[in-house]
Protein backbone atom coordinates (compact mmCIF):
# COMPACT_ATOMS: atom_id res chain seq x y z
CA MET A 1 0.00 0.00 0.00
CA ARG A 2 1.15 3.49 -0.82
CA LEU A 3 -0.31 6.56 0.82
CA ASP A 4 -0.01 10.00 -0.76
CA PHE A 5 -1.51 13.00 0.99
CA VAL A 6 -1.75 16.78 0.99
CA GLU A 7 -3.22 19.08 3.59
CA ARG A 8 -4.34 22.67 4.03
CA SER A 9 -5.26 24.38 7.27
CA ARG A 10 -5.67 27.95 8.44
CA PRO A 11 -7.02 29.70 11.52
CA TYR A 12 -10.23 31.69 11.67
CA PRO A 13 -9.55 34.89 9.73
CA GLY A 14 -8.09 37.47 12.09
CA GLU A 15 -6.86 34.85 14.59
CA VAL A 16 -3.23 33.85 15.03
CA GLU A 17 -3.79 30.41 16.58
CA ASN A 18 -5.51 27.65 14.64
CA GLY A 19 -8.18 25.67 16.49
CA ASP A 20 -7.85 22.85 13.95
CA ALA A 21 -5.02 20.33 13.65
CA ILE A 22 -4.04 17.65 11.15
CA VAL A 23 -2.06 14.54 12.08
CA VAL A 24 -0.45 12.17 9.59
CA ARG A 25 1.78 9.34 10.79
CA ARG A 26 3.40 6.67 8.66
CA GLU A 27 5.25 3.76 10.22
CA ALA A 28 6.30 0.77 8.10
CA ASN A 29 3.04 -0.89 6.98
CA ARG A 30 0.64 1.30 8.98
CA SER A 31 -0.57 4.88 8.95
CA LEU A 32 -2.79 7.24 10.92
CA LEU A 33 -4.70 10.17 9.43
CA ALA A 34 -6.71 12.63 11.52
CA VAL A 35 -8.39 15.99 11.34
CA ILE A 36 -9.12 17.61 14.69
CA ASP A 37 -11.39 20.60 15.32
CA GLY A 38 -11.14 22.28 18.73
CA LEU A 39 -14.48 23.71 19.77
CA GLY A 40 -14.74 27.36 18.77
CA HIS A 41 -11.55 29.08 17.64
CA GLY A 42 -8.59 30.93 19.11
CA PRO A 43 -6.17 29.92 21.88
CA LYS A 44 -8.47 27.57 23.84
CA ALA A 45 -9.52 25.69 20.71
CA SER A 46 -5.88 25.54 19.59
CA SER A 47 -4.82 24.17 22.98
CA ALA A 48 -7.43 21.41 22.91
CA ALA A 49 -6.52 20.47 19.32
CA ALA A 50 -2.84 20.32 20.31
CA VAL A 51 -3.58 17.92 23.18
CA ALA A 52 -5.50 15.61 20.84
CA ALA A 53 -2.77 15.82 18.18
CA GLN A 54 -0.06 14.97 20.71
CA CYS A 55 -2.05 11.97 21.90
CA LEU A 56 -2.44 10.72 18.31
CA GLN A 57 1.26 11.29 17.58
CA THR A 58 2.24 8.88 20.33
CA VAL A 59 -0.47 6.21 20.45
CA ASP A 60 0.40 2.65 19.41
CA LEU A 61 -1.24 2.21 16.00
CA GLU A 62 -2.22 -1.36 16.85
CA THR A 63 -4.46 -0.09 19.65
CA PRO A 64 -8.10 -0.98 18.91
CA MET A 65 -9.96 2.08 17.59
CA ASN A 66 -12.40 2.19 20.54
CA SER A 67 -9.50 2.26 23.01
CA LEU A 68 -7.59 4.79 20.92
CA MET A 69 -10.55 7.19 20.88
CA GLN A 70 -11.23 6.65 24.60
CA GLY A 71 -7.57 7.54 25.26
CA VAL A 72 -7.92 10.80 23.33
CA HIS A 73 -11.18 11.52 25.18
CA GLN A 74 -9.46 11.07 28.56
CA ALA A 75 -6.43 13.15 27.53
CA LEU A 76 -8.77 16.03 26.67
CA SER A 77 -10.48 16.07 30.07
CA GLY A 78 -10.49 19.63 31.38
CA THR A 79 -10.12 21.19 27.92
CA ARG A 80 -12.74 22.77 25.72
CA GLY A 81 -12.93 19.48 23.79
CA VAL A 82 -12.66 18.60 20.12
CA ALA A 83 -14.41 16.95 17.22
CA ALA A 84 -12.17 14.56 15.30
CA THR A 85 -12.09 11.91 12.63
CA VAL A 86 -9.30 9.35 12.94
CA ILE A 87 -8.33 6.73 10.37
CA VAL A 88 -5.85 3.92 10.93
CA LEU A 89 -4.56 1.88 7.99
CA LEU A 90 -3.22 -1.42 9.33
CA ASP A 91 -3.02 -5.04 8.21
CA ALA A 92 -4.81 -4.40 4.89
CA ARG A 93 -7.72 -2.82 6.83
CA LEU A 94 -9.02 0.73 7.09
CA ARG A 95 -10.47 1.58 10.49
CA ALA A 96 -12.19 4.91 11.04
CA CYS A 97 -14.03 6.67 13.84
CA ALA A 98 -15.47 10.18 14.00
CA VAL A 99 -16.73 12.08 17.00
CA GLY A 100 -18.51 15.33 16.23
CA ASN A 101 -18.62 17.05 12.89
CA VAL A 102 -15.28 16.36 11.21
CA GLU A 103 -16.39 14.75 7.97
CA LEU A 104 -14.99 11.92 5.88
CA ARG A 105 -15.70 11.39 2.20
CA VAL A 106 -14.45 8.49 0.11
CA SER A 107 -14.18 8.34 -3.67
CA GLY A 108 -13.48 5.15 -5.56
CA ALA A 109 -14.80 2.74 -2.91
CA LYS A 110 -17.91 2.06 -0.85
CA PHE A 111 -17.38 2.85 2.79
CA PRO A 112 -20.00 2.52 5.55
CA PHE A 113 -19.30 5.41 7.87
CA ARG A 114 -21.31 6.98 10.68
CA LEU A 115 -20.46 9.96 12.87
CA THR A 116 -20.55 9.50 16.64
CA ALA A 117 -22.45 12.21 18.51
CA GLY A 118 -20.53 13.98 21.24
CA ILE A 119 -17.35 15.88 21.99
CA LEU A 120 -14.01 14.27 22.77
CA GLY A 121 -13.01 15.49 26.22
CA ARG A 122 -16.55 16.38 27.25
CA ASN A 123 -19.33 13.92 26.46
CA LEU A 124 -18.85 10.77 24.47
CA LYS A 125 -21.59 8.41 23.40
CA ARG A 126 -21.29 4.96 21.91
CA LEU A 127 -18.47 4.98 19.35
CA TYR A 128 -19.17 3.87 15.79
CA VAL A 129 -16.12 2.29 14.20
CA ALA A 130 -15.94 1.41 10.51
CA ASP A 131 -13.61 -1.46 9.69
CA VAL A 132 -13.26 -2.39 6.01
CA PRO A 133 -10.71 -4.00 3.72
CA LEU A 134 -8.18 -1.54 2.37
CA VAL A 135 -8.82 -0.76 -1.30
CA PRO A 136 -7.57 1.99 -3.61
CA ALA A 137 -9.51 5.17 -2.85
CA ARG A 138 -9.27 8.92 -2.39
CA LEU A 139 -10.21 10.19 1.08
CA ALA A 140 -11.18 13.69 2.16
CA LEU A 141 -11.22 14.54 5.86
CA TYR A 142 -12.30 18.07 6.67
CA SER A 143 -13.41 20.27 9.54
CA ASP A 144 -16.67 22.20 9.53
CA GLY A 145 -14.70 25.21 8.34
CA VAL A 146 -14.91 23.61 4.89
CA ALA A 147 -18.38 23.66 3.36
CA PRO A 148 -19.60 20.15 2.49
CA SER A 149 -20.97 21.20 -0.89
CA PHE A 150 -18.09 19.79 -2.96
CA TYR A 151 -18.23 16.44 -4.74
CA LEU A 152 -15.07 14.40 -4.27
CA ASP A 153 -15.84 12.39 -7.41
CA ASP A 154 -15.42 15.62 -9.41
CA TYR A 155 -11.72 15.44 -8.50
CA ALA A 156 -11.14 11.84 -9.62
CA GLY A 157 -8.02 11.61 -11.75
CA ARG A 158 -6.94 15.14 -10.84
CA PRO A 159 -3.59 15.69 -9.08
CA LEU A 160 -3.88 15.51 -5.32
CA GLY A 161 -2.27 18.91 -4.65
CA TRP A 162 -4.37 20.70 -7.24
CA SER A 163 -7.54 19.06 -5.88
CA CYS A 164 -6.75 20.09 -2.30
CA ASN A 165 -5.98 23.67 -3.31
CA ASP A 166 -9.13 23.95 -5.42
CA ILE A 167 -11.45 22.53 -2.75
CA PHE A 168 -9.89 24.74 -0.10
CA ALA A 169 -10.02 27.89 -2.23
CA ARG A 170 -13.65 27.32 -3.21
CA PHE A 171 -15.15 25.82 -0.04
CA ALA A 172 -13.19 27.05 3.02
CA ARG A 173 -15.52 29.22 5.07
CA SER A 174 -14.50 32.63 6.36
CA THR A 175 -16.44 32.05 9.60
CA ASP A 176 -14.25 29.36 11.21
CA ASP A 177 -10.88 27.63 11.29
CA ALA A 178 -10.62 25.39 8.22
CA SER A 179 -8.71 22.16 7.58
CA LEU A 180 -8.68 19.68 4.72
CA LEU A 181 -6.67 16.48 4.35
CA LEU A 182 -6.80 14.65 1.01
CA ALA A 183 -5.20 11.23 0.74
CA ASP A 184 -4.86 8.67 -2.01
CA ILE A 185 -4.57 5.03 -0.99
CA LEU A 186 -2.82 3.18 -3.78
CA PRO A 187 -1.90 -0.51 -4.22
């Protein structure tokens, strides 16, 4: 498996600190992709996103997804909290879990995915974990600072960097922090 990715992120216009964070880890035959959205924007949102990002930078990628997300939830206790979508590519499987409103879109493959209601660090309901065989696909993970009105299939066959820049330029909202991670999973 080969993983190519590009990312774009910026703080709420007029803010210095970004309340969103993107994490990409690659280790041998496994990878982790995540987009994190600290509640609100500014320093407190940035601090919460940084705690979640640090947790994801150090977690063992063989940790079951439920335990991984519970660990992030516990690490965020006492913060403002975050929404996040986390994907782990391991052992020819794609495992994904989302809490809150960080979206995932998949082009080129069918993928049963359901958002978990709640806020990591605050209130967490039953986690919904998708676990599917790894197949070639293009993934888009994005915070609510990116309007969901784009069609990922419109970018099929287009270069990854160009696609990311176009989506971000056309759909990033001026009313929030905005983050977009595009990734191609290739055989």
